[in-house]
Structures are given as C-alpha cells and as structure tokens.
PDB file of all heavy atoms in Angstrom:
ATOM      1  N   PRO A   1     -13.011 -11.731  -0.617  1.00  0.00           N
ATOM      2  CA  PRO A   1     -12.650 -11.112   0.665  1.00  0.00           C
ATOM      3  C   PRO A   1     -11.271 -10.456   0.634  1.00  0.00           C
ATOM      4  O   PRO A   1     -11.109  -9.311   1.068  1.00  0.00           O
ATOM      5  CB  PRO A   1     -12.690 -12.289   1.650  1.00  0.00           C
ATOM      6  CG  PRO A   1     -13.624 -13.266   1.018  1.00  0.00           C
ATOM      7  CD  PRO A   1     -13.347 -13.169  -0.451  1.00  0.00           C
ATOM      8  N   PHE A   2     -10.296 -11.184   0.093  1.00  0.00           N
ATOM      9  CA  PHE A   2      -8.931 -10.656   0.064  1.00  0.00           C
ATOM     10  C   PHE A   2      -8.824  -9.438  -0.850  1.00  0.00           C
ATOM     11  O   PHE A   2      -8.241  -8.417  -0.492  1.00  0.00           O
ATOM     12  CB  PHE A   2      -7.958 -11.736  -0.398  1.00  0.00           C
ATOM     13  CG  PHE A   2      -6.547 -11.247  -0.582  1.00  0.00           C
ATOM     14  CD1 PHE A   2      -5.749 -10.968   0.516  1.00  0.00           C
ATOM     15  CD2 PHE A   2      -6.021 -11.056  -1.851  1.00  0.00           C
ATOM     16  CE1 PHE A   2      -4.451 -10.502   0.357  1.00  0.00           C
ATOM     17  CE2 PHE A   2      -4.727 -10.588  -2.027  1.00  0.00           C
ATOM     18  CZ  PHE A   2      -3.944 -10.311  -0.920  1.00  0.00           C
ATOM     19  N   ALA A   3      -9.378  -9.553  -2.068  1.00  0.00           N
ATOM     20  CA  ALA A   3      -9.259  -8.469  -3.040  1.00  0.00           C
ATOM     21  C   ALA A   3      -9.900  -7.183  -2.540  1.00  0.00           C
ATOM     22  O   ALA A   3      -9.355  -6.088  -2.718  1.00  0.00           O
ATOM     23  CB  ALA A   3      -9.879  -8.885  -4.370  1.00  0.00           C
ATOM     24  N   SER A   4     -11.051  -7.285  -1.907  1.00  0.00           N
ATOM     25  CA  SER A   4     -11.716  -6.079  -1.419  1.00  0.00           C
ATOM     26  C   SER A   4     -10.877  -5.395  -0.345  1.00  0.00           C
ATOM     27  O   SER A   4     -10.793  -4.162  -0.292  1.00  0.00           O
ATOM     28  CB  SER A   4     -13.096  -6.432  -0.855  1.00  0.00           C
ATOM     29  OG  SER A   4     -12.995  -7.243   0.306  1.00  0.00           O
ATOM     30  N   ALA A   5     -10.242  -6.181   0.515  1.00  0.00           N
ATOM     31  CA  ALA A   5      -9.441  -5.623   1.602  1.00  0.00           C
ATOM     32  C   ALA A   5      -8.126  -5.040   1.090  1.00  0.00           C
ATOM     33  O   ALA A   5      -7.673  -3.991   1.554  1.00  0.00           O
ATOM     34  CB  ALA A   5      -9.169  -6.691   2.656  1.00  0.00           C
ATOM     35  N   ILE A   6      -7.486  -5.720   0.124  1.00  0.00           N
ATOM     36  CA  ILE A   6      -6.192  -5.240  -0.367  1.00  0.00           C
ATOM     37  C   ILE A   6      -6.369  -3.991  -1.215  1.00  0.00           C
ATOM     38  O   ILE A   6      -5.504  -3.122  -1.262  1.00  0.00           O
ATOM     39  CB  ILE A   6      -5.450  -6.360  -1.146  1.00  0.00           C
ATOM     40  CG1 ILE A   6      -3.925  -6.127  -1.104  1.00  0.00           C
ATOM     41  CG2 ILE A   6      -5.928  -6.476  -2.565  1.00  0.00           C
ATOM     42  CD1 ILE A   6      -3.291  -6.440   0.210  1.00  0.00           C
ATOM     43  N   ARG A   7      -7.521  -3.878  -1.893  1.00  0.00           N
ATOM     44  CA  ARG A   7      -7.804  -2.635  -2.619  1.00  0.00           C
ATOM     45  C   ARG A   7      -7.981  -1.480  -1.643  1.00  0.00           C
ATOM     46  O   ARG A   7      -7.489  -0.369  -1.873  1.00  0.00           O
ATOM     47  CB  ARG A   7      -9.070  -2.798  -3.454  1.00  0.00           C
ATOM     48  CG  ARG A   7      -8.898  -3.630  -4.706  1.00  0.00           C
ATOM     49  CD  ARG A   7     -10.197  -3.660  -5.487  1.00  0.00           C
ATOM     50  NE  ARG A   7     -10.133  -4.588  -6.607  1.00  0.00           N
ATOM     51  CZ  ARG A   7     -11.125  -4.796  -7.456  1.00  0.00           C
ATOM     52  NH1 ARG A   7     -12.266  -4.140  -7.297  1.00  0.00           N
ATOM     53  NH2 ARG A   7     -10.995  -5.638  -8.456  1.00  0.00           N
ATOM     54  N   ALA A   8      -8.694  -1.737  -0.561  1.00  0.00           N
ATOM     55  CA  ALA A   8      -8.878  -0.711   0.461  1.00  0.00           C
ATOM     56  C   ALA A   8      -7.540  -0.338   1.084  1.00  0.00           C
ATOM     57  O   ALA A   8      -7.290   0.825   1.411  1.00  0.00           O
ATOM     58  CB  ALA A   8      -9.851  -1.193   1.532  1.00  0.00           C
ATOM     59  N   ARG A   9      -6.673  -1.320   1.247  1.00  0.00           N
ATOM     60  CA  ARG A   9      -5.341  -1.070   1.801  1.00  0.00           C
ATOM     61  C   ARG A   9      -4.554  -0.110   0.904  1.00  0.00           C
ATOM     62  O   ARG A   9      -3.849   0.776   1.392  1.00  0.00           O
ATOM     63  CB  ARG A   9      -4.602  -2.397   1.950  1.00  0.00           C
ATOM     64  CG  ARG A   9      -3.150  -2.287   2.377  1.00  0.00           C
ATOM     65  CD  ARG A   9      -2.785  -3.527   3.129  1.00  0.00           C
ATOM     66  NE  ARG A   9      -1.545  -4.135   2.742  1.00  0.00           N
ATOM     67  CZ  ARG A   9      -1.081  -5.247   3.285  1.00  0.00           C
ATOM     68  NH1 ARG A   9      -1.804  -5.887   4.192  1.00  0.00           N
ATOM     69  NH2 ARG A   9       0.066  -5.773   2.919  1.00  0.00           N
ATOM     70  N   MET A  10      -4.676  -0.295  -0.407  1.00  0.00           N
ATOM     71  CA  MET A  10      -3.998   0.610  -1.326  1.00  0.00           C
ATOM     72  C   MET A  10      -4.558   2.027  -1.187  1.00  0.00           C
ATOM     73  O   MET A  10      -3.806   3.001  -1.213  1.00  0.00           O
ATOM     74  CB  MET A  10      -4.151   0.119  -2.766  1.00  0.00           C
ATOM     75  CG  MET A  10      -3.412   0.983  -3.782  1.00  0.00           C
ATOM     76  SD  MET A  10      -3.350   0.268  -5.433  1.00  0.00           S
ATOM     77  CE  MET A  10      -5.093   0.346  -5.879  1.00  0.00           C
ATOM     78  N   SER A  11      -5.864   2.123  -1.018  1.00  0.00           N
ATOM     79  CA  SER A  11      -6.485   3.431  -0.850  1.00  0.00           C
ATOM     80  C   SER A  11      -6.018   4.097   0.440  1.00  0.00           C
ATOM     81  O   SER A  11      -5.709   5.299   0.456  1.00  0.00           O
ATOM     82  CB  SER A  11      -8.008   3.288  -0.847  1.00  0.00           C
ATOM     83  OG  SER A  11      -8.631   4.531  -0.648  1.00  0.00           O
ATOM     84  N   VAL A  12      -5.945   3.317   1.527  1.00  0.00           N
ATOM     85  CA  VAL A  12      -5.471   3.852   2.802  1.00  0.00           C
ATOM     86  C   VAL A  12      -4.032   4.340   2.658  1.00  0.00           C
ATOM     87  O   VAL A  12      -3.667   5.416   3.146  1.00  0.00           O
ATOM     88  CB  VAL A  12      -5.580   2.793   3.914  1.00  0.00           C
ATOM     89  CG1 VAL A  12      -4.837   3.247   5.170  1.00  0.00           C
ATOM     90  CG2 VAL A  12      -7.039   2.523   4.251  1.00  0.00           C
ATOM     91  N   THR A  13      -3.214   3.553   1.959  1.00  0.00           N
ATOM     92  CA  THR A  13      -1.820   3.940   1.748  1.00  0.00           C
ATOM     93  C   THR A  13      -1.731   5.262   0.999  1.00  0.00           C
ATOM     94  O   THR A  13      -0.952   6.150   1.362  1.00  0.00           O
ATOM     95  CB  THR A  13      -1.075   2.852   0.954  1.00  0.00           C
ATOM     96  OG1 THR A  13      -1.157   1.605   1.654  1.00  0.00           O
ATOM     97  CG2 THR A  13       0.393   3.225   0.774  1.00  0.00           C
ATOM     98  N   SER A  14      -2.538   5.402  -0.041  1.00  0.00           N
ATOM     99  CA  SER A  14      -2.536   6.630  -0.822  1.00  0.00           C
ATOM    100  C   SER A  14      -2.922   7.833   0.035  1.00  0.00           C
ATOM    101  O   SER A  14      -2.317   8.905  -0.054  1.00  0.00           O
ATOM    102  CB  SER A  14      -3.501   6.493  -2.004  1.00  0.00           C
ATOM    103  OG  SER A  14      -3.537   7.671  -2.774  1.00  0.00           O
ATOM    104  N   ASP A  15      -3.921   7.656   0.885  1.00  0.00           N
ATOM    105  CA  ASP A  15      -4.358   8.752   1.760  1.00  0.00           C
ATOM    106  C   ASP A  15      -3.295   9.084   2.805  1.00  0.00           C
ATOM    107  O   ASP A  15      -3.072  10.253   3.129  1.00  0.00           O
ATOM    108  CB  ASP A  15      -5.663   8.386   2.457  1.00  0.00           C
ATOM    109  CG  ASP A  15      -6.840   8.353   1.489  1.00  0.00           C
ATOM    110  OD1 ASP A  15      -6.682   8.853   0.359  1.00  0.00           O
ATOM    111  OD2 ASP A  15      -7.898   7.814   1.853  1.00  0.00           O
ATOM    112  N   ILE A  16      -2.621   8.057   3.312  1.00  0.00           N
ATOM    113  CA  ILE A  16      -1.541   8.281   4.278  1.00  0.00           C
ATOM    114  C   ILE A  16      -0.420   9.076   3.623  1.00  0.00           C
ATOM    115  O   ILE A  16       0.176   9.971   4.231  1.00  0.00           O
ATOM    116  CB  ILE A  16      -1.003   6.939   4.815  1.00  0.00           C
ATOM    117  CG1 ILE A  16      -2.039   6.280   5.727  1.00  0.00           C
ATOM    118  CG2 ILE A  16       0.306   7.152   5.589  1.00  0.00           C
ATOM    119  CD1 ILE A  16      -1.681   4.864   6.146  1.00  0.00           C
ATOM    120  N   VAL A  17      -0.139   8.756   2.356  1.00  0.00           N
ATOM    121  CA  VAL A  17       0.903   9.450   1.616  1.00  0.00           C
ATOM    122  C   VAL A  17       0.663  10.952   1.652  1.00  0.00           C
ATOM    123  O   VAL A  17       1.562  11.743   1.923  1.00  0.00           O
ATOM    124  CB  VAL A  17       0.940   8.962   0.149  1.00  0.00           C
ATOM    125  CG1 VAL A  17       1.795   9.885  -0.699  1.00  0.00           C
ATOM    126  CG2 VAL A  17       1.484   7.552   0.072  1.00  0.00           C
ATOM    127  N   CYS A  18      -0.558  11.362   1.381  1.00  0.00           N
ATOM    128  CA  CYS A  18      -0.880  12.792   1.352  1.00  0.00           C
ATOM    129  C   CYS A  18      -0.845  13.402   2.747  1.00  0.00           C
ATOM    130  O   CYS A  18      -0.312  14.492   2.950  1.00  0.00           O
ATOM    131  CB  CYS A  18      -2.250  12.990   0.735  1.00  0.00           C
ATOM    132  SG  CYS A  18      -2.377  12.437  -0.974  1.00  0.00           S
ATOM    133  N   ALA A  19      -1.398  12.703   3.718  1.00  0.00           N
ATOM    134  CA  ALA A  19      -1.492  13.249   5.075  1.00  0.00           C
ATOM    135  C   ALA A  19      -0.153  13.293   5.783  1.00  0.00           C
ATOM    136  O   ALA A  19       0.087  14.150   6.631  1.00  0.00           O
ATOM    137  CB  ALA A  19      -2.490  12.429   5.897  1.00  0.00           C
ATOM    138  N   ALA A  20       0.731  12.339   5.450  1.00  0.00           N
ATOM    139  CA  ALA A  20       2.009  12.219   6.170  1.00  0.00           C
ATOM    140  C   ALA A  20       3.153  12.873   5.424  1.00  0.00           C
ATOM    141  O   ALA A  20       4.299  12.516   5.599  1.00  0.00           O
ATOM    142  CB  ALA A  20       2.316  10.737   6.418  1.00  0.00           C
ATOM    143  N   SER A  21       2.844  13.863   4.592  1.00  0.00           N
ATOM    144  CA  SER A  21       3.848  14.410   3.686  1.00  0.00           C
ATOM    145  C   SER A  21       5.005  15.120   4.375  1.00  0.00           C
ATOM    146  O   SER A  21       6.015  15.394   3.742  1.00  0.00           O
ATOM    147  CB  SER A  21       3.178  15.381   2.702  1.00  0.00           C
ATOM    148  OG  SER A  21       2.543  16.427   3.398  1.00  0.00           O
ATOM    149  N   ARG A  22       4.866  15.407   5.651  1.00  0.00           N
ATOM    150  CA  ARG A  22       5.944  16.120   6.343  1.00  0.00           C
ATOM    151  C   ARG A  22       7.134  15.210   6.610  1.00  0.00           C
ATOM    152  O   ARG A  22       7.317  14.670   7.690  1.00  0.00           O
ATOM    153  CB  ARG A  22       5.419  16.707   7.650  1.00  0.00           C
ATOM    154  CG  ARG A  22       4.538  17.931   7.461  1.00  0.00           C
ATOM    155  CD  ARG A  22       3.929  18.382   8.768  1.00  0.00           C
ATOM    156  NE  ARG A  22       2.860  17.499   9.207  1.00  0.00           N
ATOM    157  CZ  ARG A  22       2.255  17.579  10.388  1.00  0.00           C
ATOM    158  NH1 ARG A  22       2.640  18.476  11.260  1.00  0.00           N
ATOM    159  NH2 ARG A  22       1.282  16.767  10.702  1.00  0.00           N
ATOM    160  N   GLY A  23       7.957  15.001   5.590  1.00  0.00           N
ATOM    161  CA  GLY A  23       9.195  14.258   5.759  1.00  0.00           C
ATOM    162  C   GLY A  23       9.075  12.758   5.688  1.00  0.00           C
ATOM    163  O   GLY A  23      10.042  12.046   5.935  1.00  0.00           O
ATOM    164  N   VAL A  24       7.912  12.225   5.363  1.00  0.00           N
ATOM    165  CA  VAL A  24       7.739  10.772   5.294  1.00  0.00           C
ATOM    166  C   VAL A  24       7.437  10.364   3.857  1.00  0.00           C
ATOM    167  O   VAL A  24       6.476  10.842   3.266  1.00  0.00           O
ATOM    168  CB  VAL A  24       6.592  10.289   6.210  1.00  0.00           C
ATOM    169  CG1 VAL A  24       6.476   8.766   6.158  1.00  0.00           C
ATOM    170  CG2 VAL A  24       6.827  10.752   7.636  1.00  0.00           C
ATOM    171  N   ALA A  25       8.260   9.492   3.303  1.00  0.00           N
ATOM    172  CA  ALA A  25       8.016   8.970   1.968  1.00  0.00           C
ATOM    173  C   ALA A  25       7.257   7.661   2.080  1.00  0.00           C
ATOM    174  O   ALA A  25       7.323   6.977   3.107  1.00  0.00           O
ATOM    175  CB  ALA A  25       9.331   8.760   1.227  1.00  0.00           C
ATOM    176  N   SER A  26       6.524   7.298   1.050  1.00  0.00           N
ATOM    177  CA  SER A  26       5.735   6.072   1.098  1.00  0.00           C
ATOM    178  C   SER A  26       5.782   5.362  -0.236  1.00  0.00           C
ATOM    179  O   SER A  26       5.810   5.985  -1.291  1.00  0.00           O
ATOM    180  CB  SER A  26       4.284   6.396   1.464  1.00  0.00           C
ATOM    181  OG  SER A  26       3.514   5.214   1.540  1.00  0.00           O
ATOM    182  N   THR A  27       5.807   4.035  -0.186  1.00  0.00           N
ATOM    183  CA  THR A  27       5.863   3.214  -1.388  1.00  0.00           C
ATOM    184  C   THR A  27       4.853   2.082  -1.290  1.00  0.00           C
ATOM    185  O   THR A  27       4.756   1.412  -0.266  1.00  0.00           O
ATOM    186  CB  THR A  27       7.270   2.593  -1.575  1.00  0.00           C
ATOM    187  OG1 THR A  27       8.232   3.633  -1.654  1.00  0.00           O
ATOM    188  CG2 THR A  27       7.340   1.781  -2.851  1.00  0.00           C
ATOM    189  N   TRP A  28       4.109   1.875  -2.366  1.00  0.00           N
ATOM    190  CA  TRP A  28       3.204   0.735  -2.474  1.00  0.00           C
ATOM    191  C   TRP A  28       3.883  -0.290  -3.368  1.00  0.00           C
ATOM    192  O   TRP A  28       4.215  -0.002  -4.516  1.00  0.00           O
ATOM    193  CB  TRP A  28       1.863   1.167  -3.072  1.00  0.00           C
ATOM    194  CG  TRP A  28       0.936   0.032  -3.381  1.00  0.00           C
ATOM    195  CD1 TRP A  28       0.801  -0.613  -4.580  1.00  0.00           C
ATOM    196  CD2 TRP A  28       0.013  -0.596  -2.489  1.00  0.00           C
ATOM    197  NE1 TRP A  28      -0.146  -1.601  -4.487  1.00  0.00           N
ATOM    198  CE2 TRP A  28      -0.647  -1.618  -3.216  1.00  0.00           C
ATOM    199  CE3 TRP A  28      -0.310  -0.408  -1.145  1.00  0.00           C
ATOM    200  CZ2 TRP A  28      -1.618  -2.429  -2.644  1.00  0.00           C
ATOM    201  CZ3 TRP A  28      -1.272  -1.224  -0.588  1.00  0.00           C
ATOM    202  CH2 TRP A  28      -1.920  -2.219  -1.317  1.00  0.00           C
ATOM    203  N   VAL A  29       4.126  -1.487  -2.846  1.00  0.00           N
ATOM    204  CA  VAL A  29       4.817  -2.527  -3.597  1.00  0.00           C
ATOM    205  C   VAL A  29       3.830  -3.617  -3.953  1.00  0.00           C
ATOM    206  O   VAL A  29       3.281  -4.279  -3.073  1.00  0.00           O
ATOM    207  CB  VAL A  29       5.991  -3.129  -2.788  1.00  0.00           C
ATOM    208  CG1 VAL A  29       6.700  -4.193  -3.610  1.00  0.00           C
ATOM    209  CG2 VAL A  29       6.962  -2.041  -2.378  1.00  0.00           C
ATOM    210  N   ARG A  30       3.578  -3.774  -5.239  1.00  0.00           N
ATOM    211  CA  ARG A  30       2.666  -4.825  -5.676  1.00  0.00           C
ATOM    212  C   ARG A  30       3.472  -6.066  -6.023  1.00  0.00           C
ATOM    213  O   ARG A  30       4.370  -6.032  -6.849  1.00  0.00           O
ATOM    214  CB  ARG A  30       1.859  -4.387  -6.900  1.00  0.00           C
ATOM    215  CG  ARG A  30       0.795  -5.414  -7.285  1.00  0.00           C
ATOM    216  CD  ARG A  30      -0.005  -4.965  -8.484  1.00  0.00           C
ATOM    217  NE  ARG A  30       0.789  -4.971  -9.699  1.00  0.00           N
ATOM    218  CZ  ARG A  30       0.261  -4.809 -10.915  1.00  0.00           C
ATOM    219  NH1 ARG A  30      -1.028  -4.594 -11.049  1.00  0.00           N
ATOM    220  NH2 ARG A  30       1.025  -4.823 -11.983  1.00  0.00           N
ATOM    221  N   THR A  31       3.134  -7.180  -5.397  1.00  0.00           N
ATOM    222  CA  THR A  31       3.818  -8.442  -5.676  1.00  0.00           C
ATOM    223  C   THR A  31       2.851  -9.402  -6.335  1.00  0.00           C
ATOM    224  O   THR A  31       1.668  -9.429  -6.033  1.00  0.00           O
ATOM    225  CB  THR A  31       4.360  -9.084  -4.385  1.00  0.00           C
ATOM    226  OG1 THR A  31       3.277  -9.293  -3.479  1.00  0.00           O
ATOM    227  CG2 THR A  31       5.397  -8.199  -3.732  1.00  0.00           C
ATOM    228  N   ALA A  32       3.371 -10.216  -7.234  1.00  0.00           N
ATOM    229  CA  ALA A  32       2.533 -11.213  -7.898  1.00  0.00           C
ATOM    230  C   ALA A  32       2.149 -12.307  -6.926  1.00  0.00           C
ATOM    231  O   ALA A  32       1.109 -12.941  -7.037  1.00  0.00           O
ATOM    232  CB  ALA A  32       3.256 -11.807  -9.097  1.00  0.00           C
ATOM    233  N   SER A  33       3.012 -12.541  -5.952  1.00  0.00           N
ATOM    234  CA  SER A  33       2.737 -13.546  -4.932  1.00  0.00           C
ATOM    235  C   SER A  33       3.393 -13.092  -3.647  1.00  0.00           C
ATOM    236  O   SER A  33       4.566 -12.753  -3.632  1.00  0.00           O
ATOM    237  CB  SER A  33       3.297 -14.919  -5.330  1.00  0.00           C
ATOM    238  OG  SER A  33       3.215 -15.813  -4.237  1.00  0.00           O
ATOM    239  N   THR A  34       2.657 -13.099  -2.545  1.00  0.00           N
ATOM    240  CA  THR A  34       3.212 -12.617  -1.286  1.00  0.00           C
ATOM    241  C   THR A  34       4.256 -13.564  -0.724  1.00  0.00           C
ATOM    242  O   THR A  34       4.907 -13.261   0.253  1.00  0.00           O
ATOM    243  CB  THR A  34       2.096 -12.436  -0.239  1.00  0.00           C
ATOM    244  OG1 THR A  34       1.355 -13.648  -0.106  1.00  0.00           O
ATOM    245  CG2 THR A  34       1.173 -11.311  -0.632  1.00  0.00           C
ATOM    246  N   SER A  35       4.425 -14.727  -1.326  1.00  0.00           N
ATOM    247  CA  SER A  35       5.463 -15.644  -0.852  1.00  0.00           C
ATOM    248  C   SER A  35       6.716 -15.564  -1.709  1.00  0.00           C
ATOM    249  O   SER A  35       7.676 -16.275  -1.475  1.00  0.00           O
ATOM    250  CB  SER A  35       4.941 -17.092  -0.870  1.00  0.00           C
ATOM    251  OG  SER A  35       4.620 -17.480  -2.187  1.00  0.00           O
ATOM    252  N   ALA A  36       6.726 -14.704  -2.731  1.00  0.00           N
ATOM    253  CA  ALA A  36       7.881 -14.594  -3.617  1.00  0.00           C
ATOM    254  C   ALA A  36       8.906 -13.648  -3.019  1.00  0.00           C
ATOM    255  O   ALA A  36       8.572 -12.528  -2.642  1.00  0.00           O
ATOM    256  CB  ALA A  36       7.439 -14.087  -4.986  1.00  0.00           C
ATOM    257  N   PRO A  37      10.184 -14.061  -2.922  1.00  0.00           N
ATOM    258  CA  PRO A  37      11.215 -13.175  -2.376  1.00  0.00           C
ATOM    259  C   PRO A  37      11.386 -11.931  -3.241  1.00  0.00           C
ATOM    260  O   PRO A  37      11.234 -11.970  -4.455  1.00  0.00           O
ATOM    261  CB  PRO A  37      12.480 -14.045  -2.416  1.00  0.00           C
ATOM    262  CG  PRO A  37      11.974 -15.445  -2.442  1.00  0.00           C
ATOM    263  CD  PRO A  37      10.702 -15.389  -3.233  1.00  0.00           C
ATOM    264  N   ILE A  38      11.710 -10.815  -2.617  1.00  0.00           N
ATOM    265  CA  ILE A  38      11.998  -9.580  -3.325  1.00  0.00           C
ATOM    266  C   ILE A  38      13.483  -9.311  -3.142  1.00  0.00           C
ATOM    267  O   ILE A  38      13.911  -8.853  -2.090  1.00  0.00           O
ATOM    268  CB  ILE A  38      11.162  -8.417  -2.782  1.00  0.00           C
ATOM    269  CG1 ILE A  38       9.682  -8.741  -2.960  1.00  0.00           C
ATOM    270  CG2 ILE A  38      11.499  -7.118  -3.473  1.00  0.00           C
ATOM    271  CD1 ILE A  38       8.781  -7.713  -2.348  1.00  0.00           C
TER     272      ILE A  38
END
C-alpha cells in the first residue's frame, strides 16, 4: 500500500514540476527513513 502510493506521489511531483515551471522550483527528497533527521 505504501510503496504504490509513494511511487504515485513521485509521479505527481514530477508532473507538478513541469506544470508549475513559472518561477517555482521543485525538489524530490528521498529518505531512507521518514523518521531520520535531515
């Protein structure tokens, strides 16, 4: 369940990147664990 949704989230982010190109930058941050401090 989680993997299917997070993969889709990456796809949505990529599409937003292209659509929101007017002055908006976007970054996808992959973490090994969502509880690990960055």
